[in-house]
Amino acid sequence: MGIFPQSIRWRIQLWYLLLLAVIIAALLVAFHRNQREIKYQVLDRELSNPITRLLPSLERRPEPPPRGRRLPRPSLLDDFEDELRSSPEGNARRSPHGGNGPEPSERRRGNLDEMVEELAENKIFVIHWSRGGGLRFASANSPEELRSFPGGVSREGGRVSKKTMQGYREIIHASPNVGILMVGASVEPIETDLSKLKTKLIGIGLLIVGGGFLVGWFLIGRSLKPIETISGAAHRIAEGDLSQRIKISGNGSELGQLSIVLNETFEKLETSFEHQVRFTADASHEMRTPIAVILSKGQFALSKERSPEKYKDALQTCVDSAQHMRTLTSGLLELSKVDSGEFHLSPELGNLENLTSEAVKMIEPLADERGIKIKCNLQPIKAEFDPSKMRQALLNLLANAVKYNQEEGEIEVTLNKIGAEIVWSVRDAGPGMESSALKHIFERFYQVDKARTRTGRKGTGLGLPITQAIVEAHGGTISVESEIGKGTIFQVKLPAY
């Protein structure tokens, strides 16, 4: 026993469950990653927006130096120290337009503090370094471990980098006038939400897989139910009840088509079995009669001394019975080949007109004994056929026409081509048959009422079944038409090549 159980139902169920679990897991992982990306994108936007607001407050454009000499550019750190030492009351200066009010540096400082406090309320921190790497400003909520100058940061202007370090999401902006500005926030709330989402997705995935297992179990069981029906019917047939058939609705499905094929097979099996039983019974019955006659005549001849004429009559009766038995056994052997699939043809190109003429010549002595005339209306037709088998079929039809004809009657044999068919017919002038007999005329051992034959000869009832097997083996059909008092016509149709 391998990894999977032997049951087809469990194998299908496990493969289905595995496929469903893989698909659901892939979808949920993709969804979780998408949510992570969305949340970090939202956080990045929340961190990027303050940068555009902070830059004007941190930027200080230097005054142009006097012509002829270059002055050193004041650093922003000096501006921040002057602003921290100045107070609003003592350092209020007149504006360039003559009004009283704070200087621009003081206004920038006030706006910066307000923005930093506002960002702190939203759990966003701000850290500012000079281009040289010195710390110039850090909000109160900024982590201590992040206040050292970050390594690997480009100090060229206009560069923005994003990264996540030590549990914080950071956006770093480098500017030649401002220096290095970092705006960041803790990613713990996002990771907490993502962890909760992960737990929910796992629960949802398990529910979906569990529900899929139940639905799959129901659907697979319903799909495999016809197999149980087929198995049950086959088991009952194996026990001997050949009348059993598979009853499955929905013949359009694969199992429905299979049930149709199996029902046809079972029907053929039942028919074959019935034929075999009837064949055995009929053969036994047919063989019993000549054997009984031979035994009876032999015991009659041996019981006491008889005259030569009596011995001759007894021996002739035994010979006739033995001849009948030989004909019967030959027919049985031929039909057994048909039933076993060993009935093979050896077709060759020939002329049906010549074959028919030969068969007529062979049957003429029997017809002359009763004064029966045979008329032929034959066309020269070439076809592929097995000469010996086709001659046997034609002789069977001609022998029946002689046997079941009236004294000094007539037999008409025709051969012509009509369209794509070769039509070959044998008509006699006998008493004819009733319609009820026509239904069974090609059954094995079936014989019409004995009064139909004027000779009193009894056949084996195997000639017409053998003829039918030969014609059908050539791809043709044989039919019979008869009317009481008007004779019988046997018609053979073969495909013309």
Protein backbone atom coordinates (compact mmCIF):
# COMPACT_ATOMS: atom_id res chain seq x y z
CA MET A 1 0.00 0.00 0.00
CA GLY A 2 1.42 3.38 -1.08
CA ILE A 3 0.92 6.84 0.29
CA PHE A 4 -2.71 6.97 -0.78
CA PRO A 5 -5.34 4.35 0.13
CA GLN A 6 -6.60 1.84 -2.41
CA SER A 7 -10.09 3.34 -2.49
CA ILE A 8 -10.68 5.38 -5.64
CA ARG A 9 -12.98 7.66 -3.69
CA TRP A 10 -10.29 8.48 -1.11
CA ARG A 11 -7.66 8.97 -3.76
CA ILE A 12 -9.81 11.44 -5.67
CA GLN A 13 -10.79 13.12 -2.40
CA LEU A 14 -7.18 13.55 -1.25
CA TRP A 15 -5.99 14.86 -4.60
CA TYR A 16 -8.93 17.26 -4.71
CA LEU A 17 -8.25 18.39 -1.13
CA LEU A 18 -4.55 18.90 -1.84
CA LEU A 19 -5.27 20.95 -4.95
CA LEU A 20 -7.87 23.02 -3.12
CA ALA A 21 -5.50 23.67 -0.20
CA VAL A 22 -2.70 24.78 -2.53
CA ILE A 23 -4.99 27.15 -4.43
CA ILE A 24 -6.52 28.63 -1.27
CA ALA A 25 -3.10 29.02 0.36
CA ALA A 26 -1.71 30.76 -2.72
CA LEU A 27 -4.67 33.14 -2.88
CA LEU A 28 -4.55 33.98 0.81
CA VAL A 29 -0.78 34.53 0.78
CA ALA A 30 -1.16 36.80 -2.23
CA PHE A 31 -3.95 38.69 -0.46
CA HIS A 32 -1.86 39.06 2.71
CA ARG A 33 1.10 40.38 0.75
CA ASN A 34 -1.14 42.77 -1.12
CA GLN A 35 -2.53 44.12 2.15
CA ARG A 36 1.01 44.52 3.51
CA GLU A 37 2.02 46.44 0.40
CA ILE A 38 -1.06 48.66 0.60
CA LYS A 39 -0.52 49.45 4.29
CA TYR A 40 3.14 50.31 3.72
CA GLN A 41 2.21 52.45 0.74
CA VAL A 42 -0.27 54.37 2.89
CA LEU A 43 2.37 54.78 5.61
CA ASP A 44 4.90 55.99 3.03
CA ARG A 45 2.44 58.63 1.84
CA GLU A 46 1.82 59.70 5.44
CA LEU A 47 5.57 60.04 5.94
CA SER A 48 6.23 61.74 2.60
CA ASN A 49 3.68 64.50 3.05
CA PRO A 50 5.41 66.06 6.14
CA ILE A 51 8.70 66.31 4.24
CA THR A 52 7.21 68.81 1.80
CA ARG A 53 5.89 70.80 4.76
CA LEU A 54 9.11 70.67 6.76
CA LEU A 55 11.55 71.62 4.03
CA PRO A 56 10.49 75.31 3.75
CA SER A 57 10.92 75.71 7.53
CA LEU A 58 14.35 74.13 7.52
CA GLU A 59 15.68 75.69 4.37
CA ARG A 60 17.79 78.91 4.69
CA ARG A 61 19.09 80.53 1.58
CA PRO A 62 22.47 82.35 2.15
CA GLU A 63 22.85 86.12 1.34
CA PRO A 64 25.07 86.86 -1.61
CA PRO A 65 28.62 87.86 -0.55
CA PRO A 66 30.09 91.36 -1.36
CA ARG A 67 31.76 91.63 -4.72
CA GLY A 68 35.44 90.93 -4.58
CA ARG A 69 35.42 88.46 -1.65
CA ARG A 70 33.65 85.24 -0.67
CA LEU A 71 32.04 84.89 2.74
CA PRO A 72 31.62 81.56 4.45
CA ARG A 73 28.11 80.14 4.24
CA PRO A 74 26.44 80.17 7.68
CA SER A 75 25.39 76.82 8.90
CA LEU A 76 21.83 76.01 9.85
CA LEU A 77 23.00 74.86 13.24
CA ASP A 78 24.02 78.52 14.07
CA ASP A 79 20.61 79.71 13.03
CA PHE A 80 18.97 77.14 15.32
CA GLU A 81 21.22 78.24 18.26
CA ASP A 82 20.40 81.95 17.69
CA GLU A 83 16.74 81.15 17.54
CA LEU A 84 16.92 79.07 20.73
CA ARG A 85 18.70 81.95 22.62
CA SER A 86 16.29 84.64 21.44
CA SER A 87 13.00 85.26 23.21
CA PRO A 88 9.81 86.72 21.74
CA GLU A 89 9.76 89.70 24.19
CA GLY A 90 13.38 90.79 24.13
CA ASN A 91 14.20 90.12 20.53
CA ALA A 92 11.18 91.50 18.80
CA ARG A 93 12.34 93.55 15.91
CA ARG A 94 10.68 95.81 13.47
CA SER A 95 9.83 94.27 10.20
CA PRO A 96 11.31 95.64 7.04
CA HIS A 97 7.97 97.27 6.29
CA GLY A 98 7.97 99.22 9.55
CA GLY A 99 5.71 96.97 11.60
CA ASN A 100 6.48 95.12 14.79
CA GLY A 101 6.64 91.32 14.58
CA PRO A 102 8.87 88.29 14.79
CA GLU A 103 11.72 87.85 12.40
CA PRO A 104 11.44 85.22 9.62
CA SER A 105 13.72 82.82 11.49
CA GLU A 106 11.43 82.98 14.52
CA ARG A 107 8.37 82.37 12.39
CA ARG A 108 10.06 79.37 10.78
CA ARG A 109 10.94 78.05 14.22
CA GLY A 110 7.38 78.43 15.47
CA ASN A 111 5.96 76.71 12.42
CA LEU A 112 8.49 73.90 12.78
CA ASP A 113 7.60 73.27 16.42
CA GLU A 114 3.91 73.19 15.62
CA MET A 115 4.43 70.74 12.78
CA VAL A 116 6.67 68.51 14.87
CA GLU A 117 4.13 68.45 17.70
CA GLU A 118 1.36 67.67 15.23
CA LEU A 119 3.40 64.85 13.75
CA ALA A 120 4.24 63.53 17.23
CA GLU A 121 0.52 63.28 17.97
CA ASN A 122 0.28 61.06 14.90
CA LYS A 123 3.23 59.01 16.21
CA ILE A 124 5.59 60.31 13.53
CA PHE A 125 9.09 61.42 14.49
CA VAL A 126 11.51 63.78 12.76
CA ILE A 127 15.33 63.76 12.85
CA HIS A 128 17.55 66.30 11.09
CA TRP A 129 21.32 66.06 10.42
CA SER A 130 23.67 68.45 8.72
CA ARG A 131 25.41 67.42 5.54
CA GLY A 132 28.46 66.66 7.60
CA GLY A 133 26.53 64.17 9.72
CA GLY A 134 25.99 66.24 12.85
CA LEU A 135 22.65 65.99 14.60
CA ARG A 136 20.82 69.31 14.33
CA PHE A 137 17.35 68.38 15.46
CA ALA A 138 15.39 65.35 16.78
CA SER A 139 11.77 65.28 17.89
CA ALA A 140 11.05 64.16 21.43
CA ASN A 141 9.38 60.90 20.28
CA SER A 142 12.27 59.89 18.04
CA PRO A 143 14.05 56.65 19.07
CA GLU A 144 17.49 57.07 20.60
CA GLU A 145 18.95 54.28 18.50
CA LEU A 146 18.06 56.13 15.29
CA ARG A 147 19.61 59.53 16.16
CA SER A 148 23.05 58.56 14.95
CA PHE A 149 23.74 59.42 11.34
CA PRO A 150 22.50 56.53 9.13
CA GLY A 151 25.22 54.85 7.15
CA GLY A 152 24.94 54.26 3.45
CA VAL A 153 22.78 57.36 2.88
CA SER A 154 23.59 59.44 -0.17
CA ARG A 155 24.40 63.07 0.75
CA GLU A 156 23.71 64.43 -2.69
CA GLY A 157 20.70 66.62 -3.16
CA GLY A 158 17.32 65.39 -4.34
CA ARG A 159 17.78 61.81 -3.13
CA VAL A 160 14.94 60.08 -1.27
CA SER A 161 15.30 56.61 0.21
CA LYS A 162 12.84 54.36 2.00
CA LYS A 163 13.68 51.53 4.34
CA THR A 164 12.50 49.62 7.38
CA MET A 165 15.01 49.17 10.23
CA GLN A 166 14.68 48.10 13.86
CA GLY A 167 10.89 48.12 13.68
CA TYR A 168 10.59 51.61 12.12
CA ARG A 169 9.69 52.78 8.66
CA GLU A 170 12.00 55.62 7.56
CA ILE A 171 11.96 58.08 4.68
CA ILE A 172 15.24 59.96 4.30
CA HIS A 173 15.55 63.11 2.20
CA ALA A 174 18.94 64.60 1.31
CA SER A 175 19.14 68.26 0.29
CA PRO A 176 22.19 70.58 -0.11
CA ASN A 177 20.44 73.45 1.71
CA VAL A 178 18.73 71.45 4.44
CA GLY A 179 21.02 68.48 5.00
CA ILE A 180 19.62 65.04 5.83
CA LEU A 181 16.00 64.87 6.97
CA MET A 182 14.44 61.66 8.30
CA VAL A 183 10.73 61.21 8.89
CA GLY A 184 9.65 57.90 10.34
CA ALA A 185 7.14 55.96 12.37
CA SER A 186 6.91 52.62 14.13
CA VAL A 187 5.59 49.72 12.03
CA GLU A 188 4.33 47.87 15.10
CA PRO A 189 0.65 48.85 14.49
CA ILE A 190 0.89 47.66 10.88
CA GLU A 191 2.58 44.40 11.84
CA THR A 192 -0.01 43.87 14.57
CA ASP A 193 -2.84 44.39 12.08
CA LEU A 194 -1.11 42.12 9.59
CA SER A 195 -0.65 39.45 12.26
CA LYS A 196 -4.36 39.61 13.11
CA LEU A 197 -5.20 39.49 9.40
CA LYS A 198 -2.93 36.47 9.02
CA THR A 199 -4.76 34.66 11.82
CA LYS A 200 -8.11 35.48 10.24
CA LEU A 201 -6.95 34.33 6.82
CA ILE A 202 -5.69 31.04 8.25
CA GLY A 203 -9.08 30.51 9.89
CA ILE A 204 -10.88 31.39 6.68
CA GLY A 205 -8.62 29.06 4.70
CA LEU A 206 -9.28 26.18 7.08
CA LEU A 207 -13.02 26.80 6.86
CA ILE A 208 -12.90 26.87 3.07
CA VAL A 209 -10.81 23.69 2.90
CA GLY A 210 -13.09 21.98 5.42
CA GLY A 211 -16.19 23.05 3.49
CA GLY A 212 -14.53 21.96 0.26
CA PHE A 213 -13.80 18.57 1.81
CA LEU A 214 -17.47 18.07 2.69
CA VAL A 215 -18.70 19.31 -0.68
CA GLY A 216 -16.10 17.20 -2.48
CA TRP A 217 -17.05 14.12 -0.45
CA PHE A 218 -20.69 14.60 -1.44
CA LEU A 219 -19.97 15.29 -5.13
CA ILE A 220 -17.43 12.49 -5.48
CA GLY A 221 -19.77 10.05 -3.77
CA ARG A 222 -22.56 11.09 -6.10
CA SER A 223 -20.27 10.82 -9.14
CA LEU A 224 -19.05 7.35 -8.14
CA LYS A 225 -22.50 6.03 -7.29
CA PRO A 226 -23.02 4.75 -10.88
CA ILE A 227 -19.87 2.67 -10.44
CA GLU A 228 -21.45 1.00 -7.41
CA THR A 229 -24.56 0.37 -9.51
CA ILE A 230 -22.47 -1.14 -12.29
CA SER A 231 -20.54 -3.28 -9.82
CA GLY A 232 -23.74 -4.54 -8.20
CA ALA A 233 -25.31 -5.44 -11.55
CA ALA A 234 -22.14 -7.19 -12.71
CA HIS A 235 -21.99 -9.14 -9.42
CA ARG A 236 -25.59 -10.33 -9.82
CA ILE A 237 -24.91 -11.32 -13.43
CA ALA A 238 -21.81 -13.24 -12.32
CA GLU A 239 -24.03 -15.15 -9.89
CA GLY A 240 -26.13 -16.35 -12.86
CA ASP A 241 -28.90 -13.78 -13.24
CA LEU A 242 -28.22 -12.76 -16.86
CA SER A 243 -31.41 -10.71 -17.03
CA GLN A 244 -29.90 -7.97 -14.84
CA ARG A 245 -29.21 -4.60 -16.48
CA ILE A 246 -27.55 -1.40 -15.29
CA LYS A 247 -29.99 1.42 -14.62
CA ILE A 248 -28.22 4.77 -14.72
CA SER A 249 -29.79 8.13 -15.50
CA GLY A 250 -27.92 10.66 -17.59
CA ASN A 251 -26.68 8.61 -20.52
CA GLY A 252 -24.70 11.60 -21.81
CA SER A 253 -21.98 11.17 -19.17
CA GLU A 254 -18.98 8.89 -19.53
CA LEU A 255 -20.39 6.43 -17.00
CA GLY A 256 -23.74 6.58 -18.77
CA GLN A 257 -22.05 5.65 -22.04
CA LEU A 258 -20.18 2.89 -20.22
CA SER A 259 -23.45 1.54 -18.81
CA ILE A 260 -24.95 1.46 -22.31
CA VAL A 261 -21.97 -0.52 -23.63
CA LEU A 262 -22.10 -2.90 -20.65
CA ASN A 263 -25.85 -3.40 -21.04
CA GLU A 264 -25.32 -4.25 -24.70
CA THR A 265 -22.57 -6.65 -23.69
CA PHE A 266 -24.77 -8.26 -21.04
CA GLU A 267 -27.60 -8.56 -23.55
CA LYS A 268 -25.32 -10.25 -26.06
CA LEU A 269 -24.03 -12.49 -23.29
CA GLU A 270 -27.56 -13.48 -22.30
CA THR A 271 -28.52 -14.07 -25.94
CA SER A 272 -25.37 -16.09 -26.51
CA PHE A 273 -26.02 -18.16 -23.41
CA GLU A 274 -29.62 -18.78 -24.46
CA HIS A 275 -28.44 -19.77 -27.94
CA GLN A 276 -25.88 -22.08 -26.42
CA VAL A 277 -28.47 -23.75 -24.22
CA ARG A 278 -30.96 -24.04 -27.08
CA PHE A 279 -28.21 -25.12 -29.45
CA THR A 280 -27.09 -27.88 -27.10
CA ALA A 281 -30.65 -29.03 -26.51
CA ASP A 282 -31.54 -28.99 -30.22
CA ALA A 283 -28.29 -30.68 -31.20
CA SER A 284 -28.87 -33.38 -28.62
CA HIS A 285 -32.41 -33.84 -29.87
CA GLU A 286 -31.34 -33.97 -33.51
CA MET A 287 -28.54 -36.44 -32.78
CA ARG A 288 -30.75 -38.61 -30.63
CA THR A 289 -33.14 -39.46 -33.45
CA PRO A 290 -30.66 -40.95 -35.97
CA ILE A 291 -28.80 -42.73 -33.17
CA ALA A 292 -32.07 -44.25 -31.99
CA VAL A 293 -32.86 -45.34 -35.57
CA ILE A 294 -29.42 -46.93 -36.00
CA LEU A 295 -29.70 -48.78 -32.69
CA SER A 296 -33.23 -49.89 -33.45
CA LYS A 297 -32.36 -51.21 -36.92
CA GLY A 298 -29.21 -52.87 -35.63
CA GLN A 299 -31.07 -54.64 -32.85
CA PHE A 300 -33.75 -55.62 -35.37
CA ALA A 301 -31.17 -57.17 -37.68
CA LEU A 302 -29.38 -59.00 -34.87
CA SER A 303 -32.40 -60.29 -33.00
CA LYS A 304 -32.83 -63.27 -35.39
CA GLU A 305 -32.10 -64.48 -38.85
CA ARG A 306 -33.52 -62.21 -41.53
CA SER A 307 -33.80 -62.38 -45.26
CA PRO A 308 -31.21 -60.56 -47.35
CA GLU A 309 -33.79 -57.93 -48.27
CA LYS A 310 -34.48 -57.22 -44.58
CA TYR A 311 -30.77 -56.92 -43.82
CA LYS A 312 -30.36 -54.61 -46.82
CA ASP A 313 -33.23 -52.37 -45.68
CA ALA A 314 -31.83 -52.22 -42.15
CA LEU A 315 -28.35 -51.32 -43.40
CA GLN A 316 -29.72 -48.69 -45.78
CA THR A 317 -31.63 -47.10 -42.91
CA CYS A 318 -28.48 -47.05 -40.81
CA VAL A 319 -26.52 -45.47 -43.68
CA ASP A 320 -29.18 -42.77 -44.17
CA SER A 321 -29.17 -41.99 -40.45
CA ALA A 322 -25.40 -41.87 -40.38
CA GLN A 323 -25.43 -39.58 -43.42
CA HIS A 324 -27.88 -37.31 -41.60
CA MET A 325 -25.63 -37.32 -38.55
CA ARG A 326 -22.60 -36.42 -40.69
CA THR A 327 -24.48 -33.51 -42.28
CA LEU A 328 -25.63 -32.41 -38.85
CA THR A 329 -22.16 -32.53 -37.32
CA SER A 330 -20.69 -30.65 -40.30
CA GLY A 331 -23.28 -27.92 -39.86
CA LEU A 332 -22.66 -27.77 -36.12
CA LEU A 333 -18.91 -27.48 -36.71
CA GLU A 334 -19.46 -24.65 -39.20
CA LEU A 335 -21.73 -22.74 -36.82
CA SER A 336 -19.33 -23.27 -33.92
CA LYS A 337 -16.69 -21.47 -35.98
CA VAL A 338 -19.09 -18.61 -36.48
CA ASP A 339 -19.81 -18.38 -32.77
CA SER A 340 -16.14 -18.58 -31.76
CA GLY A 341 -14.99 -15.98 -34.28
CA GLU A 342 -12.95 -18.50 -36.27
CA PHE A 343 -15.16 -18.15 -39.34
CA HIS A 344 -12.67 -16.56 -41.75
CA LEU A 345 -13.00 -15.79 -45.43
CA SER A 346 -10.43 -16.08 -48.21
CA PRO A 347 -11.77 -13.56 -50.71
CA GLU A 348 -10.51 -13.34 -54.26
CA LEU A 349 -11.63 -11.61 -57.41
CA GLY A 350 -14.07 -13.78 -59.37
CA ASN A 351 -17.15 -13.87 -61.54
CA LEU A 352 -20.44 -14.51 -59.74
CA GLU A 353 -22.08 -15.61 -63.00
CA ASN A 354 -19.67 -18.50 -63.37
CA LEU A 355 -20.05 -19.43 -59.69
CA THR A 356 -23.84 -19.49 -60.00
CA SER A 357 -23.72 -21.59 -63.19
CA GLU A 358 -21.49 -24.14 -61.44
CA ALA A 359 -23.86 -24.38 -58.46
CA VAL A 360 -26.85 -24.84 -60.76
CA LYS A 361 -25.11 -27.68 -62.60
CA MET A 362 -24.34 -29.38 -59.29
CA ILE A 363 -28.00 -29.21 -58.15
CA GLU A 364 -29.58 -30.18 -61.51
CA PRO A 365 -29.46 -33.98 -60.85
CA LEU A 366 -31.65 -33.52 -57.78
CA ALA A 367 -34.00 -31.25 -59.70
CA ASP A 368 -34.26 -33.75 -62.61
CA GLU A 369 -35.38 -36.49 -60.23
CA ARG A 370 -38.52 -34.46 -59.55
CA GLY A 371 -38.90 -32.93 -62.99
CA ILE A 372 -38.06 -29.44 -61.75
CA LYS A 373 -36.73 -26.95 -64.30
CA ILE A 374 -34.17 -24.33 -63.36
CA LYS A 375 -34.21 -21.06 -65.27
CA CYS A 376 -31.29 -18.67 -64.98
CA ASN A 377 -31.14 -14.96 -65.73
CA LEU A 378 -27.55 -14.09 -64.93
CA GLN A 379 -25.42 -11.04 -65.63
CA PRO A 380 -21.61 -11.20 -65.71
CA ILE A 381 -20.59 -9.49 -62.45
CA LYS A 382 -17.10 -9.46 -60.99
CA ALA A 383 -16.63 -9.14 -57.26
CA GLU A 384 -14.37 -10.21 -54.41
CA PHE A 385 -15.71 -13.23 -52.52
CA ASP A 386 -14.72 -16.56 -51.01
CA PRO A 387 -15.61 -19.07 -53.77
CA SER A 388 -16.05 -22.12 -51.54
CA LYS A 389 -18.14 -20.33 -48.92
CA MET A 390 -20.31 -18.51 -51.45
CA ARG A 391 -20.83 -21.76 -53.41
CA GLN A 392 -21.96 -23.43 -50.18
CA ALA A 393 -24.47 -20.65 -49.52
CA LEU A 394 -25.90 -20.83 -53.04
CA LEU A 395 -26.13 -24.64 -52.90
CA ASN A 396 -28.08 -24.41 -49.63
CA LEU A 397 -30.61 -22.05 -51.24
CA LEU A 398 -30.92 -24.20 -54.39
CA ALA A 399 -31.26 -27.41 -52.32
CA ASN A 400 -34.10 -25.87 -50.31
CA ALA A 401 -35.75 -24.68 -53.53
CA VAL A 402 -35.67 -28.27 -54.86
CA LYS A 403 -36.71 -29.84 -51.56
CA TYR A 404 -39.63 -27.52 -50.88
CA ASN A 405 -40.92 -27.31 -54.47
CA GLN A 406 -43.83 -29.03 -56.16
CA GLU A 407 -43.38 -31.91 -58.58
CA GLU A 408 -42.39 -30.70 -62.05
CA GLY A 409 -42.12 -27.21 -60.61
CA GLU A 410 -39.79 -24.40 -61.51
CA ILE A 411 -36.86 -22.59 -59.97
CA GLU A 412 -35.77 -19.16 -61.17
CA VAL A 413 -32.27 -17.92 -60.39
CA THR A 414 -31.39 -14.26 -61.14
CA LEU A 415 -28.21 -12.27 -60.74
CA ASN A 416 -27.96 -8.57 -61.55
CA LYS A 417 -26.54 -5.31 -60.31
CA ILE A 418 -28.85 -2.60 -59.02
CA GLY A 419 -27.10 0.64 -58.09
CA ALA A 420 -24.33 -0.10 -55.61
CA GLU A 421 -25.65 -3.58 -54.78
CA ILE A 422 -25.39 -7.02 -56.28
CA VAL A 423 -28.80 -8.72 -56.06
CA TRP A 424 -28.94 -12.49 -56.18
CA SER A 425 -32.33 -14.26 -55.84
CA VAL A 426 -33.68 -17.83 -55.87
CA ARG A 427 -37.45 -18.32 -56.38
CA ASP A 428 -39.31 -21.61 -56.13
CA ALA A 429 -42.90 -22.58 -56.97
CA GLY A 430 -43.56 -24.44 -53.72
CA PRO A 431 -46.50 -24.13 -51.33
CA GLY A 432 -45.01 -21.07 -49.60
CA MET A 433 -44.84 -20.27 -45.90
CA GLU A 434 -46.96 -18.38 -43.42
CA SER A 435 -45.73 -15.02 -42.09
CA SER A 436 -45.25 -16.53 -38.62
CA ALA A 437 -42.70 -18.98 -40.03
CA LEU A 438 -40.73 -16.25 -41.82
CA LYS A 439 -39.71 -14.75 -38.46
CA HIS A 440 -37.88 -17.95 -37.46
CA ILE A 441 -36.66 -19.24 -40.80
CA PHE A 442 -33.01 -18.30 -40.08
CA GLU A 443 -32.98 -19.73 -36.55
CA ARG A 444 -30.90 -22.82 -35.93
CA PHE A 445 -32.71 -26.17 -36.08
CA TYR A 446 -35.94 -24.43 -37.06
CA GLN A 447 -37.95 -26.40 -39.60
CA VAL A 448 -41.23 -25.51 -41.23
CA ASP A 449 -44.15 -27.89 -41.09
CA LYS A 450 -43.26 -31.22 -42.65
CA ALA A 451 -46.21 -30.94 -45.03
CA ARG A 452 -44.35 -28.14 -46.88
CA THR A 453 -41.96 -30.65 -48.45
CA ARG A 454 -43.32 -33.09 -51.01
CA THR A 455 -40.38 -35.46 -50.69
CA GLY A 456 -40.78 -36.21 -47.01
CA ARG A 457 -37.10 -35.53 -46.45
CA LYS A 458 -36.26 -33.86 -43.26
CA GLY A 459 -33.35 -31.44 -43.12
CA THR A 460 -31.13 -30.45 -40.22
CA GLY A 461 -32.39 -26.90 -39.89
CA LEU A 462 -28.85 -25.56 -40.15
CA GLY A 463 -28.55 -24.74 -43.85
CA LEU A 464 -30.16 -21.30 -43.75
CA PRO A 465 -28.32 -20.15 -40.58
CA ILE A 466 -25.04 -21.14 -42.24
CA THR A 467 -26.05 -19.31 -45.41
CA GLN A 468 -26.90 -16.20 -43.42
CA ALA A 469 -23.52 -16.31 -41.63
CA ILE A 470 -21.69 -16.59 -44.98
CA VAL A 471 -23.61 -13.69 -46.56
CA GLU A 472 -23.14 -11.43 -43.54
CA ALA A 473 -19.43 -12.28 -43.43
CA HIS A 474 -19.24 -10.86 -46.99
CA GLY A 475 -20.93 -7.66 -45.78
CA GLY A 476 -24.30 -8.51 -47.31
CA THR A 477 -27.84 -9.30 -46.19
CA ILE A 478 -30.31 -12.08 -46.90
CA SER A 479 -34.09 -11.82 -46.79
CA VAL A 480 -37.08 -14.03 -47.59
CA GLU A 481 -40.53 -13.37 -49.02
CA SER A 482 -43.22 -16.01 -49.21
CA GLU A 483 -46.92 -16.33 -49.81
CA ILE A 484 -49.10 -19.39 -49.36
CA GLY A 485 -49.66 -21.12 -52.70
CA LYS A 486 -47.27 -18.82 -54.62
CA GLY A 487 -43.84 -19.98 -53.56
CA THR A 488 -40.87 -18.43 -51.78
CA ILE A 489 -38.13 -16.01 -52.83
CA PHE A 490 -34.75 -15.80 -51.08
CA GLN A 491 -32.85 -12.63 -51.95
CA VAL A 492 -29.17 -11.96 -51.24
CA LYS A 493 -27.71 -8.43 -51.49
CA LEU A 494 -23.96 -7.91 -51.60
CA PRO A 495 -22.05 -4.64 -51.82
CA ALA A 496 -20.64 -3.93 -55.26
CA TYR A 497 -16.99 -2.87 -55.20
